[in-house]
Amino acid sequence: MLDSALTGLRTFIILAVLAVAVALAGAWGWKSMTAPFPQKVDVGPCVDAPVKKGSEVYPSQVVVTVLNASTRAGLATRAMTDLVDAGFVKGNTGNAPRGTKLKTVEVWTPDKDAPSAALVASWLGDAKIVETKSDIPGIVVITGEKFPDVTGGVKTVTAKADATICSPPVE
């Protein structure tokens, strides 16, 4: 009789442990099933990418934004199309900040010595490189009233020092 009582107790304990395990697994499964899907993180049009001294920088590594500081409609769009045709990565186009005045073209960059700025400037004739802090990503081209056109520039620029460029994100 004692054996049958112990067997019954043992069976009850095993069934209780299994019931708790099934309940925990069910709760975990329900939580996982009803959780929202992870969202894609928007990193923006470019991310900071380190460039070592002596490395080549190509147009496909450079995000360009073109802003129109002239009264010529469509100038930024035309310049952007030409730069993209040259291999640069399209950033944004639009109008330059209010009050921006210049004759031809400027290249705005947070680092005047960045190889990406030199590469973009080589496609813009007599472009002046201006070091400026901006919340606009990439290299910013500002077109003025007498913007000449995008011309044939160099295919690569060698970094003269370690630098950081705003390069398109890898997906």
Protein backbone atom coordinates (compact mmCIF):
# COMPACT_ATOMS: atom_id res chain seq x y z
CA MET A 1 0.00 0.00 0.00
CA LEU A 2 2.86 2.30 0.73
CA ASP A 3 4.30 1.54 -2.73
CA SER A 4 1.10 2.51 -4.49
CA ALA A 5 0.88 5.74 -2.46
CA LEU A 6 4.46 6.67 -3.40
CA THR A 7 3.81 5.80 -7.04
CA GLY A 8 0.72 8.02 -7.05
CA LEU A 9 2.66 10.89 -5.41
CA ARG A 10 5.51 10.50 -7.88
CA THR A 11 3.04 10.56 -10.81
CA PHE A 12 1.34 13.67 -9.41
CA ILE A 13 4.70 15.51 -9.04
CA ILE A 14 5.77 14.58 -12.59
CA LEU A 15 2.44 15.74 -14.02
CA ALA A 16 2.60 18.98 -12.02
CA VAL A 17 6.14 19.73 -13.26
CA LEU A 18 5.07 18.99 -16.85
CA ALA A 19 2.00 21.23 -16.49
CA VAL A 20 4.16 24.12 -15.24
CA ALA A 21 6.63 23.58 -18.12
CA VAL A 22 3.79 23.60 -20.69
CA ALA A 23 2.32 26.75 -19.13
CA LEU A 24 5.70 28.56 -19.23
CA ALA A 25 6.34 27.45 -22.82
CA GLY A 26 2.86 28.62 -23.81
CA ALA A 27 3.37 32.02 -22.17
CA TRP A 28 6.75 32.47 -23.86
CA GLY A 29 5.30 31.41 -27.23
CA TRP A 30 2.34 33.79 -26.90
CA LYS A 31 4.65 36.68 -25.96
CA SER A 32 6.92 35.93 -28.93
CA MET A 33 4.01 35.55 -31.32
CA THR A 34 2.33 38.83 -30.32
CA ALA A 35 5.53 40.93 -30.10
CA PRO A 36 5.93 43.56 -32.83
CA PHE A 37 8.36 42.85 -35.64
CA PRO A 38 11.71 44.62 -35.35
CA GLN A 39 11.75 47.84 -37.32
CA LYS A 40 14.40 48.72 -39.87
CA VAL A 41 16.68 51.37 -38.47
CA ASP A 42 16.92 54.41 -40.71
CA VAL A 43 20.58 55.37 -40.77
CA GLY A 44 20.03 58.22 -43.20
CA PRO A 45 21.56 58.71 -46.61
CA CYS A 46 25.11 58.19 -45.39
CA VAL A 47 27.24 56.96 -42.52
CA ASP A 48 30.67 58.06 -41.38
CA ALA A 49 33.29 55.81 -42.93
CA PRO A 50 36.98 55.97 -42.03
CA VAL A 51 39.51 56.39 -44.84
CA LYS A 52 43.17 55.61 -44.22
CA LYS A 53 45.99 57.76 -45.57
CA GLY A 54 46.90 56.55 -49.06
CA SER A 55 43.48 54.98 -49.74
CA GLU A 56 41.60 55.81 -52.91
CA VAL A 57 38.17 57.45 -52.65
CA TYR A 58 35.78 56.84 -55.54
CA PRO A 59 32.59 58.71 -56.50
CA SER A 60 30.50 55.67 -55.49
CA GLN A 61 31.69 56.23 -51.90
CA VAL A 62 30.55 59.86 -51.73
CA VAL A 63 27.01 61.09 -50.99
CA VAL A 64 26.32 64.51 -52.54
CA THR A 65 23.56 67.00 -51.75
CA VAL A 66 23.03 69.86 -54.20
CA LEU A 67 21.36 73.11 -53.15
CA ASN A 68 20.42 75.97 -55.46
CA ALA A 69 21.42 79.49 -54.34
CA SER A 70 20.44 81.05 -57.67
CA THR A 71 17.24 82.20 -59.31
CA ARG A 72 17.67 79.57 -62.06
CA ALA A 73 14.91 76.99 -61.56
CA GLY A 74 15.98 73.35 -61.68
CA LEU A 75 19.69 74.08 -61.37
CA ALA A 76 20.20 71.81 -58.36
CA THR A 77 18.35 68.96 -60.04
CA ARG A 78 20.39 69.29 -63.22
CA ALA A 79 23.67 69.40 -61.31
CA MET A 80 22.61 66.38 -59.22
CA THR A 81 21.76 64.39 -62.35
CA ASP A 82 25.18 65.16 -63.81
CA LEU A 83 26.96 64.19 -60.58
CA VAL A 84 25.00 60.94 -60.29
CA ASP A 85 25.86 60.19 -63.93
CA ALA A 86 29.51 60.67 -62.91
CA GLY A 87 29.08 57.99 -60.25
CA PHE A 88 28.35 59.97 -57.09
CA VAL A 89 25.60 58.83 -54.74
CA LYS A 90 22.46 60.95 -54.72
CA GLY A 91 21.70 62.82 -51.53
CA ASN A 92 19.08 65.57 -51.52
CA THR A 93 18.35 68.50 -53.79
CA GLY A 94 16.64 71.74 -52.90
CA ASN A 95 17.19 75.40 -52.24
CA ALA A 96 20.16 76.78 -50.34
CA PRO A 97 19.55 78.34 -46.92
CA ARG A 98 17.96 81.78 -47.14
CA GLY A 99 20.56 84.50 -47.60
CA THR A 100 23.17 82.25 -49.26
CA LYS A 101 24.74 84.23 -52.08
CA LEU A 102 27.58 83.20 -54.38
CA LYS A 103 28.56 83.63 -58.00
CA THR A 104 29.52 80.16 -59.20
CA VAL A 105 29.77 77.14 -56.91
CA GLU A 106 30.96 76.11 -53.47
CA VAL A 107 31.51 72.73 -51.84
CA TRP A 108 30.52 72.71 -48.17
CA THR A 109 32.13 70.07 -45.97
CA PRO A 110 32.86 69.61 -42.27
CA ASP A 111 36.52 68.83 -43.14
CA LYS A 112 38.18 71.03 -45.76
CA ASP A 113 40.90 68.40 -46.30
CA ALA A 114 38.49 65.48 -46.79
CA PRO A 115 39.27 63.52 -49.96
CA SER A 116 35.53 63.34 -50.71
CA ALA A 117 35.36 67.16 -50.90
CA ALA A 118 38.36 67.31 -53.25
CA LEU A 119 36.80 64.62 -55.45
CA VAL A 120 33.48 66.45 -55.75
CA ALA A 121 35.21 69.81 -56.32
CA SER A 122 37.23 68.33 -59.19
CA TRP A 123 33.95 67.90 -61.11
CA LEU A 124 32.85 71.50 -60.54
CA GLY A 125 35.48 73.62 -62.26
CA ASP A 126 36.60 76.44 -59.98
CA ALA A 127 34.62 75.29 -56.95
CA LYS A 128 35.70 76.74 -53.65
CA ILE A 129 35.82 74.24 -50.75
CA VAL A 130 34.34 75.80 -47.62
CA GLU A 131 34.68 74.18 -44.22
CA THR A 132 31.35 74.49 -42.43
CA LYS A 133 29.35 72.57 -39.88
CA SER A 134 25.95 71.58 -41.18
CA ASP A 135 23.19 69.12 -40.39
CA ILE A 136 22.97 68.28 -44.11
CA PRO A 137 24.51 64.86 -44.71
CA GLY A 138 27.30 64.28 -47.22
CA ILE A 139 29.19 66.76 -49.32
CA VAL A 140 27.02 69.80 -50.06
CA VAL A 141 27.30 71.54 -53.42
CA ILE A 142 25.86 75.07 -53.53
CA THR A 143 25.16 76.35 -57.05
CA GLY A 144 25.19 80.09 -57.73
CA GLU A 145 23.89 82.32 -60.54
CA LYS A 146 26.86 81.63 -62.83
CA PHE A 147 27.25 77.92 -62.09
CA PRO A 148 29.15 76.67 -65.14
CA ASP A 149 28.21 72.97 -65.35
CA VAL A 150 29.47 69.68 -64.01
CA THR A 151 32.67 68.92 -65.93
CA GLY A 152 34.90 65.87 -66.24
CA GLY A 153 36.72 65.53 -62.96
CA VAL A 154 39.11 62.94 -61.59
CA LYS A 155 37.98 59.33 -61.11
CA THR A 156 39.61 58.92 -57.68
CA VAL A 157 41.35 60.97 -55.03
CA THR A 158 44.06 59.60 -52.75
CA ALA A 159 43.60 60.47 -49.08
CA LYS A 160 46.55 62.58 -47.92
CA ALA A 161 45.78 61.80 -44.27
CA ASP A 162 43.41 59.64 -42.25
CA ALA A 163 39.90 61.04 -42.73
CA THR A 164 36.23 60.32 -42.34
CA ILE A 165 33.81 60.56 -45.25
CA CYS A 166 30.04 60.34 -45.39
CA SER A 167 29.53 57.19 -47.43
CA PRO A 168 26.30 55.41 -48.41
CA PRO A 169 25.20 52.76 -45.90
CA VAL A 170 25.72 49.11 -46.78
CA GLU A 171 22.42 47.24 -46.71
